[in-house]
Amino acid sequence: MAEITNEYMRDMLTKGKNYTLVILKHTDKIHEKGFEKTKYEHGKRNFQLREDGIISIVCRINDESNLSGIAIFNRDPHEVKKIMDGDPGVIAGIFSYEIHLCNSFIGDKLP
């Protein structure tokens, strides 16, 4: 494991950047017939937001919880709320969401 000096840590803490984290939850409506197309459109929209650089990371959650996914946006929380309110799955009522301001280091990424 690499040694982290106090100087390095102090320097890195000044280089954080704000992001907006979205926690997506599914409602009971997600299991109703006819919502497959809406889920597909939601996913397609996420790919477009990622391609446009608005979302940095999208992770689907594949467990037995009511969580569907998380996304890290490169926009402020007010803009993200507008984006999420226009999501086909949110409009259809199959998803709800939480928005949280978060901070990470520039260059962080999934391996």
Foldseek 3Di string as FASTA:
>chain_A
DDDDDPVNVVVQVVQKDKWKKKWKFFDPCVPDPPCPVLVVQLVVVVVVCCVVQQWVDWDADDDPHRTGIMIIGPDDPVVVVVVVCPRSCVVVRGMDMDMDMDIDHPPDDDD
